[in-house]
C-alpha cells in the first residue's frame, strides 16, 4: 500500500505523514516546488522514512505524477489563512485565497486522481460547520470541494473536525487557541451536566489525534465513502 499526501507541510499534514510512515505505509509527501523550505522538509520527511515529491500544481503534471505509481490513498489536506495571503501580497507573490488554495488546488487534485488513479481512496480534510449556502468564504470553499468529491465517483472520506490546535503550530493563531481553550472549558462543564454529546461534537483535537483518526478511517472503511464529524474522529465506533 502507498499513500500520497498533499498539504504535507501543514500542521495536520506533517502528522499524517508521520502516522503513515510509522505504520509502514510507503508515503510520498508533496511539497510545492517553490517552497523556500523544500530541502528542510525533504530532510525531515526522509528521517521519518517518507519520500518527497515537488510536482508543480498543474493538472497535467499532477496527473502524470500520480499515474507513474498510482497511490492507494490520497490525502487532501490543503488550506490557507488570511494571514498567509497578506504575507504573500507583501512579498509580491500571488495572493493565496480560499478560492485559489482551499478550493482550487484541492479541485485540481481531485481531477488528477480521477484521471490517473481512479481506484485510490481520497481523504479530504474539511471542517465543522460546512454546509451548502453558507456565506462564510472559508466554509463555502470547502462545501464546494465536498460537493465535487461526492460527484467524482471516487471512494472518499470527508473529515469535519472542530478546532485543530496544539503548542507546536508554526503560526501562533491566538484567536484559534483562545477559542479552543474557551470551547473546551465550556464543553467540559456541559459534559458534567449531561452534555457529553456537545463536547464530542465541538471539542478541540491535536494534529496527532486527528492524523491517527484520518489514517484509521482511510484503512478501516474499505470502499465505502463516508463523512466523519468530530465525534467519529475521536471514537472509532
Foldseek 3Di string as FASTA:
>chain_A
DAEEEEVLPAQLNVLLLLVCLVVVHAYEYEDAQPDPCVVVVQVVSVVSVYHYDHFHQDLVRLLVVCQVPPGQEYEAEKDDDPVQQVVCVVVVHHGDDCVCIVQVSLVSNLSSCLRRPQNHEYEYEAAPPQDPPDPPSNSNSRVVSVVCVVVSNHQYEYEHAAQADDDPGPDPPVVSVVVLVVLLVVQVVVVVVVNVVSCQQHHYHYSNLQSVLRVCCSPPVPRHHYYHGSNCSNPVD
